[in-house]
Amino acid sequence: MEKLLSKILEETLHLSAKGLVLTQLHGDASNRIYYRLSLPQGQSFIVMQLPKGPASISEEITTIKTKPKELPFINITYFLKSQGLPVPQIHYEDLKEGLLLLEDFGDETFEKTVLKMDTETQKSWYKKAIKLLVSFQSKGTQPDPHCIAFQRSFDQNLLDWEFEHFFEYGIEVRQNKKIPSKDREILKTESQKITKILTGVPYILVHRDFQSRNLMIQNDQLKLLDFQDALMGPLPYDLVALLRDSYIKLPWEIVSELVDYFVSLKKNIDSKKFLKHFDLITIQRKLKDTGRFVYIDRVKKNQNFLKHIPNSLAYVRSALERQFEFKDFFQILKKYVPEFH
């Protein structure tokens, strides 16, 4: 790989490759492999290496009418870049070799930064992130027919599949027992009630994973990563990803204040209805995350995400305790989720 990268640097970017240093970076649950390419002159780049074959496609299940003609990451990067959003520049792409050379935003994640802060400073940074989210959403008001994100959406089938992913991995695999058919039917019926409500919420451009590990801080500015699964989805979805983040535990008082801040920026939103939808998306997304964390452990043999399950389920419990109409759903879940006892 170093030989190829040296050629790219010298022939395409007109930089000397002498003294090139390649360091592998931690890539979380992705099949993609990341490296930092550093040069003695001080320049650095991120190298994204794509896996071969089926693993090269999106990690997330997505419904789309037509097969994409280009890699979603590249397609969506160019769209977001054209809209002035802070996403990495693609310096070079070679899909035959499965190689992308990207702008380097450094190592300071939103997660690392806010965990070191006092409450008031934390809130100020969350407000910056919410402003970026509002800007991101505003780019979806005029759909671009060439951007893949506008050709796919969180339809009922996809939302239902994510609930099923939790029932299978978050309960059955995790507890090593099958859910009896009667309880399974209630879980299915109740979860489908949630997805039916969510598909009736106004849809907007959704990042799909707008959380603290996908926001970078460089020169005191927020930068955005990992947007290749973007699609059309319910208005509160990305705000839930940010404020009900499995990696950072925020007390409800702060979350409620930040939800109000988002609503104030968006204007013309019924805050009571928005909060209900926020809770329902919390239930749907954090159950899905729990199932995903177990899947990553059992199938990908990566245990690093299991420690975030209690946080995810605490958010679900809090939301279900407020949404009384889903008490039957909550009662059945209590049988199989120890954290709900």
Protein backbone atom coordinates (compact mmCIF):
# COMPACT_ATOMS: atom_id res chain seq x y z
CA MET A 1 0.00 0.00 0.00
CA GLU A 2 2.82 2.43 0.81
CA LYS A 3 4.16 2.15 -2.74
CA LEU A 4 0.71 3.04 -4.16
CA LEU A 5 0.28 5.92 -1.71
CA SER A 6 3.72 7.27 -2.58
CA LYS A 7 2.73 7.27 -6.25
CA ILE A 8 -0.56 9.07 -5.46
CA LEU A 9 1.21 11.73 -3.39
CA GLU A 10 3.85 12.45 -5.98
CA GLU A 11 1.89 12.14 -9.23
CA THR A 12 -1.53 13.45 -8.16
CA LEU A 13 -0.93 15.76 -5.19
CA HIS A 14 2.60 16.76 -6.23
CA LEU A 15 4.01 16.13 -2.76
CA SER A 16 7.21 14.39 -1.83
CA ALA A 17 6.49 10.95 -0.35
CA LYS A 18 9.90 10.73 1.29
CA GLY A 19 9.56 9.91 4.98
CA LEU A 20 5.91 8.81 4.66
CA VAL A 21 4.54 7.29 7.89
CA LEU A 22 1.37 5.15 7.88
CA THR A 23 -0.40 4.51 11.19
CA GLN A 24 -3.54 2.35 11.49
CA LEU A 25 -6.40 4.01 13.35
CA HIS A 26 -9.15 2.53 15.49
CA GLY A 27 -12.19 2.08 13.23
CA ASP A 28 -14.94 1.09 15.71
CA ALA A 29 -17.44 -1.41 14.25
CA SER A 30 -16.88 -0.64 10.58
CA ASN A 31 -15.51 -3.07 8.00
CA ARG A 32 -13.50 -0.19 6.61
CA ILE A 33 -9.88 0.20 7.74
CA TYR A 34 -8.45 3.66 8.41
CA TYR A 35 -4.87 4.90 8.46
CA ARG A 36 -3.27 8.26 9.07
CA LEU A 37 -0.67 9.14 6.45
CA SER A 38 1.84 11.64 7.84
CA LEU A 39 4.61 13.47 6.03
CA PRO A 40 7.72 15.10 7.56
CA GLN A 41 6.63 18.49 6.18
CA GLY A 42 3.60 18.39 8.49
CA GLN A 43 0.85 17.38 6.06
CA SER A 44 -1.42 14.49 7.00
CA PHE A 45 -4.25 12.60 5.33
CA ILE A 46 -6.71 9.88 6.26
CA VAL A 47 -6.54 6.73 4.14
CA MET A 48 -9.82 4.81 3.94
CA GLN A 49 -9.36 1.23 2.78
CA LEU A 50 -12.55 -0.44 1.63
CA PRO A 51 -13.05 -4.18 2.10
CA LYS A 52 -13.49 -6.41 -0.93
CA GLY A 53 -16.78 -7.89 -2.06
CA PRO A 54 -20.15 -7.61 -0.26
CA ALA A 55 -18.51 -6.21 2.88
CA SER A 56 -17.72 -3.05 0.94
CA ILE A 57 -21.37 -1.98 0.95
CA SER A 58 -23.06 -0.06 3.76
CA GLU A 59 -22.98 -1.64 7.18
CA GLU A 60 -26.54 -0.46 7.76
CA ILE A 61 -29.63 -1.94 6.14
CA THR A 62 -31.10 0.61 3.74
CA THR A 63 -33.94 0.49 1.26
CA ILE A 64 -33.28 2.11 -2.11
CA LYS A 65 -35.21 1.87 -5.37
CA THR A 66 -32.23 1.69 -7.74
CA LYS A 67 -28.72 0.37 -7.23
CA PRO A 68 -26.29 3.26 -6.60
CA LYS A 69 -23.91 3.99 -9.48
CA GLU A 70 -21.20 5.16 -7.11
CA LEU A 71 -20.08 4.56 -3.54
CA PRO A 72 -22.54 6.24 -1.15
CA PHE A 73 -19.71 7.83 0.85
CA ILE A 74 -18.35 9.55 -2.26
CA ASN A 75 -21.77 10.54 -3.59
CA ILE A 76 -22.95 12.04 -0.30
CA THR A 77 -19.59 13.69 0.44
CA TYR A 78 -19.76 15.66 -2.80
CA PHE A 79 -23.34 16.71 -2.11
CA LEU A 80 -22.65 17.84 1.47
CA LYS A 81 -19.45 19.58 0.39
CA SER A 82 -21.38 21.45 -2.30
CA GLN A 83 -23.72 22.67 0.41
CA GLY A 84 -20.87 24.13 2.46
CA LEU A 85 -21.06 21.55 5.25
CA PRO A 86 -17.84 20.66 7.14
CA VAL A 87 -17.15 17.21 5.70
CA PRO A 88 -13.71 15.94 4.65
CA GLN A 89 -12.40 16.72 1.21
CA ILE A 90 -11.71 13.71 -0.99
CA HIS A 91 -8.17 14.23 -2.31
CA TYR A 92 -8.03 10.99 -4.28
CA GLU A 93 -10.23 7.99 -5.01
CA ASP A 94 -9.32 4.63 -6.52
CA LEU A 95 -12.24 2.23 -6.15
CA LYS A 96 -10.43 -0.48 -8.09
CA GLU A 97 -7.87 -0.56 -5.29
CA GLY A 98 -10.55 0.25 -2.69
CA LEU A 99 -8.68 3.33 -1.56
CA LEU A 100 -9.71 6.89 -0.66
CA LEU A 101 -7.40 9.67 0.48
CA LEU A 102 -9.28 12.13 2.70
CA GLU A 103 -8.78 15.36 4.57
CA ASP A 104 -7.57 14.75 8.14
CA PHE A 105 -9.71 16.33 10.88
CA GLY A 106 -7.41 15.16 13.69
CA ASP A 107 -8.15 13.02 16.75
CA GLU A 108 -10.27 15.26 18.97
CA THR A 109 -13.77 13.81 18.95
CA PHE A 110 -16.78 15.57 20.42
CA GLU A 111 -16.97 12.68 22.89
CA LYS A 112 -13.43 13.19 24.22
CA THR A 113 -13.91 16.93 24.48
CA VAL A 114 -17.25 17.23 26.26
CA LEU A 115 -16.46 14.49 28.78
CA LYS A 116 -13.71 16.76 30.15
CA MET A 117 -15.98 19.81 30.49
CA ASP A 118 -18.15 21.27 33.22
CA THR A 119 -21.92 21.22 32.64
CA GLU A 120 -22.29 24.77 31.29
CA THR A 121 -19.43 24.38 28.81
CA GLN A 122 -20.86 21.03 27.76
CA LYS A 123 -24.20 22.65 27.02
CA SER A 124 -22.55 25.36 24.93
CA TRP A 125 -20.86 22.71 22.77
CA TYR A 126 -24.08 20.73 22.43
CA LYS A 127 -25.75 23.91 21.20
CA LYS A 128 -22.99 24.27 18.59
CA ALA A 129 -23.68 20.69 17.51
CA ILE A 130 -27.42 21.39 17.32
CA LYS A 131 -26.75 24.44 15.13
CA LEU A 132 -24.71 22.22 12.81
CA LEU A 133 -27.56 19.68 12.78
CA VAL A 134 -30.09 22.37 11.86
CA SER A 135 -27.78 23.49 9.05
CA PHE A 136 -27.44 19.86 7.87
CA GLN A 137 -31.23 19.41 7.89
CA SER A 138 -31.78 22.63 5.96
CA LYS A 139 -29.86 21.14 3.03
CA GLY A 140 -32.61 18.54 2.68
CA THR A 141 -35.36 21.04 1.96
CA GLN A 142 -34.42 21.07 -1.74
CA PRO A 143 -33.80 17.38 -2.63
CA ASP A 144 -30.96 16.70 -5.04
CA PRO A 145 -31.97 13.88 -7.45
CA HIS A 146 -28.29 12.95 -7.89
CA CYS A 147 -27.69 12.40 -4.17
CA ILE A 148 -28.31 8.86 -2.90
CA ALA A 149 -29.53 10.12 0.49
CA PHE A 150 -32.70 11.50 -1.12
CA GLN A 151 -33.48 8.19 -2.85
CA ARG A 152 -33.85 6.14 0.34
CA SER A 153 -35.73 6.54 3.58
CA PHE A 154 -36.71 5.10 6.93
CA ASP A 155 -39.84 3.37 5.66
CA GLN A 156 -41.95 1.12 7.87
CA ASN A 157 -40.17 -2.03 6.70
CA LEU A 158 -36.78 -0.66 7.69
CA LEU A 159 -37.95 0.57 11.09
CA ASP A 160 -39.68 -2.77 11.75
CA TRP A 161 -36.53 -4.64 10.71
CA GLU A 162 -34.50 -2.70 13.28
CA PHE A 163 -36.98 -3.64 16.02
CA GLU A 164 -36.70 -7.28 14.90
CA HIS A 165 -32.92 -6.97 15.05
CA PHE A 166 -33.29 -6.08 18.73
CA PHE A 167 -35.75 -8.90 19.45
CA GLU A 168 -33.35 -11.39 17.86
CA TYR A 169 -30.01 -10.18 19.21
CA GLY A 170 -30.92 -7.86 22.10
CA ILE A 171 -33.18 -10.48 23.69
CA GLU A 172 -32.93 -13.97 22.22
CA VAL A 173 -29.20 -14.13 21.52
CA ARG A 174 -28.30 -12.07 24.57
CA GLN A 175 -30.48 -14.13 26.94
CA ASN A 176 -29.91 -17.39 25.05
CA LYS A 177 -33.62 -18.20 24.89
CA LYS A 178 -36.49 -17.84 22.46
CA ILE A 179 -39.32 -15.40 23.10
CA PRO A 180 -42.61 -17.38 23.36
CA SER A 181 -44.87 -16.79 20.36
CA LYS A 182 -47.57 -15.00 22.39
CA ASP A 183 -45.12 -12.43 23.77
CA ARG A 184 -43.39 -12.15 20.38
CA GLU A 185 -46.70 -11.24 18.79
CA ILE A 186 -47.36 -8.50 21.36
CA LEU A 187 -43.86 -7.09 20.86
CA LYS A 188 -44.38 -7.09 17.10
CA THR A 189 -47.80 -5.44 17.31
CA GLU A 190 -46.69 -2.75 19.76
CA SER A 191 -43.44 -1.97 17.94
CA GLN A 192 -45.31 -1.64 14.66
CA LYS A 193 -47.58 0.93 16.32
CA ILE A 194 -44.45 2.96 17.04
CA THR A 195 -43.13 2.67 13.49
CA LYS A 196 -46.51 3.66 12.09
CA ILE A 197 -46.45 6.85 14.17
CA LEU A 198 -42.84 7.59 13.16
CA THR A 199 -43.53 7.24 9.44
CA GLY A 200 -46.22 9.91 9.88
CA VAL A 201 -43.72 12.43 11.28
CA PRO A 202 -42.37 15.06 8.83
CA TYR A 203 -39.34 13.60 7.04
CA ILE A 204 -36.08 15.45 6.50
CA LEU A 205 -32.46 14.74 5.55
CA VAL A 206 -31.04 12.48 8.29
CA HIS A 207 -27.35 11.75 8.94
CA ARG A 208 -28.39 8.52 10.70
CA ASP A 209 -25.53 8.49 13.21
CA PHE A 210 -25.14 12.09 14.36
CA GLN A 211 -23.37 11.26 17.63
CA SER A 212 -20.27 12.22 19.60
CA ARG A 213 -17.82 9.90 17.83
CA ASN A 214 -18.80 11.19 14.40
CA LEU A 215 -18.31 14.84 15.31
CA MET A 216 -14.72 16.07 15.32
CA ILE A 217 -13.38 19.29 16.79
CA GLN A 218 -10.63 20.98 14.81
CA ASN A 219 -9.49 24.57 15.46
CA ASP A 220 -12.52 25.02 17.72
CA GLN A 221 -14.89 24.11 14.87
CA LEU A 222 -17.13 21.08 14.48
CA LYS A 223 -16.53 18.68 11.59
CA LEU A 224 -18.78 15.86 10.39
CA LEU A 225 -17.91 12.22 9.66
CA ASP A 226 -19.57 8.87 8.87
CA PHE A 227 -22.53 10.19 6.88
CA GLN A 228 -22.54 7.52 4.15
CA ASP A 229 -25.81 6.02 5.44
CA ALA A 230 -27.70 9.33 5.21
CA LEU A 231 -31.33 9.08 4.13
CA MET A 232 -34.72 10.71 4.61
CA GLY A 233 -36.13 10.16 8.07
CA PRO A 234 -38.22 11.54 10.95
CA LEU A 235 -37.38 15.09 12.00
CA PRO A 236 -36.15 14.29 15.56
CA TYR A 237 -33.99 11.29 14.54
CA ASP A 238 -30.54 12.91 14.51
CA LEU A 239 -31.31 14.92 17.64
CA VAL A 240 -32.01 11.62 19.43
CA ALA A 241 -28.69 10.27 18.13
CA LEU A 242 -26.91 13.30 19.60
CA LEU A 243 -28.70 13.70 22.94
CA ARG A 244 -29.40 10.03 23.69
CA ASP A 245 -25.88 9.00 22.70
CA SER A 246 -24.83 5.60 24.07
CA TYR A 247 -21.32 6.93 24.74
CA ILE A 248 -22.19 10.01 26.81
CA LYS A 249 -24.79 9.96 29.58
CA LEU A 250 -26.69 13.24 29.80
CA PRO A 251 -29.27 13.82 32.55
CA TRP A 252 -32.82 14.35 31.34
CA GLU A 253 -32.88 17.94 32.64
CA ILE A 254 -30.09 18.89 30.21
CA VAL A 255 -31.59 16.85 27.37
CA SER A 256 -34.95 18.56 27.85
CA GLU A 257 -33.28 21.99 27.78
CA LEU A 258 -31.39 21.13 24.59
CA VAL A 259 -34.54 19.75 22.94
CA ASP A 260 -36.20 23.09 23.68
CA TYR A 261 -33.21 24.86 22.13
CA PHE A 262 -33.55 22.78 18.94
CA VAL A 263 -37.28 23.51 18.77
CA SER A 264 -36.58 27.25 19.18
CA LEU A 265 -34.19 27.15 16.20
CA LYS A 266 -36.57 25.20 13.97
CA LYS A 267 -39.66 27.31 14.76
CA ASN A 268 -43.25 26.29 13.95
CA ILE A 269 -42.89 23.00 15.81
CA ASP A 270 -45.43 21.70 18.33
CA SER A 271 -43.04 21.09 21.25
CA LYS A 272 -45.33 18.60 23.02
CA LYS A 273 -45.77 16.47 19.90
CA PHE A 274 -42.07 16.78 19.07
CA LEU A 275 -41.12 15.50 22.53
CA LYS A 276 -43.39 12.48 22.09
CA HIS A 277 -41.76 11.68 18.75
CA PHE A 278 -38.34 12.23 20.34
CA ASP A 279 -39.22 9.58 22.94
CA LEU A 280 -40.53 7.11 20.36
CA ILE A 281 -37.41 7.46 18.25
CA THR A 282 -35.35 6.99 21.42
CA ILE A 283 -37.17 3.69 22.02
CA GLN A 284 -36.72 2.55 18.43
CA ARG A 285 -33.10 3.64 17.96
CA LYS A 286 -31.70 2.62 21.33
CA LEU A 287 -33.30 -0.83 21.19
CA LYS A 288 -31.83 -1.19 17.70
CA ASP A 289 -28.43 -0.07 19.05
CA THR A 290 -28.63 -2.66 21.81
CA GLY A 291 -29.31 -5.41 19.29
CA ARG A 292 -26.49 -4.08 17.12
CA PHE A 293 -24.00 -4.09 19.99
CA VAL A 294 -24.79 -7.74 20.71
CA TYR A 295 -24.56 -8.55 16.99
CA ILE A 296 -21.13 -6.88 16.78
CA ASP A 297 -19.99 -8.97 19.75
CA ARG A 298 -21.36 -12.33 18.59
CA VAL A 299 -20.88 -12.04 14.83
CA LYS A 300 -17.90 -9.69 14.48
CA LYS A 301 -16.23 -10.83 17.71
CA ASN A 302 -15.88 -7.25 18.95
CA GLN A 303 -16.87 -6.84 22.62
CA ASN A 304 -16.08 -3.13 22.82
CA PHE A 305 -19.70 -2.00 22.51
CA LEU A 306 -21.29 -4.26 25.13
CA LYS A 307 -20.44 -1.80 27.90
CA HIS A 308 -22.72 0.78 26.25
CA ILE A 309 -25.84 -1.40 26.44
CA PRO A 310 -26.90 -0.28 29.96
CA ASN A 311 -26.81 3.36 28.89
CA SER A 312 -28.86 2.62 25.76
CA LEU A 313 -31.47 0.69 27.71
CA ALA A 314 -31.67 3.37 30.43
CA TYR A 315 -32.74 5.83 27.73
CA VAL A 316 -35.39 3.39 26.51
CA ARG A 317 -36.73 2.86 30.01
CA SER A 318 -36.94 6.61 30.63
CA ALA A 319 -38.84 7.15 27.37
CA LEU A 320 -41.24 4.25 27.98
CA GLU A 321 -42.01 5.55 31.48
CA ARG A 322 -43.20 8.80 29.88
CA GLN A 323 -45.12 7.20 27.01
CA PHE A 324 -47.91 5.42 28.87
CA GLU A 325 -49.76 4.28 25.76
CA PHE A 326 -46.98 1.70 25.26
CA LYS A 327 -47.24 0.20 28.74
CA ASP A 328 -48.04 -3.25 27.28
CA PHE A 329 -44.84 -3.11 25.23
CA PHE A 330 -42.91 -2.09 28.35
CA GLN A 331 -44.41 -4.88 30.47
CA ILE A 332 -43.41 -7.58 27.98
CA LEU A 333 -39.92 -6.12 27.57
CA LYS A 334 -39.47 -6.24 31.35
CA LYS A 335 -39.66 -10.04 31.17
CA TYR A 336 -36.59 -10.21 28.94
CA VAL A 337 -34.53 -7.11 29.68
CA PRO A 338 -32.88 -7.31 33.14
CA GLU A 339 -32.14 -3.56 33.09
CA PHE A 340 -35.90 -2.83 33.11
CA HIS A 341 -36.57 -4.66 36.40
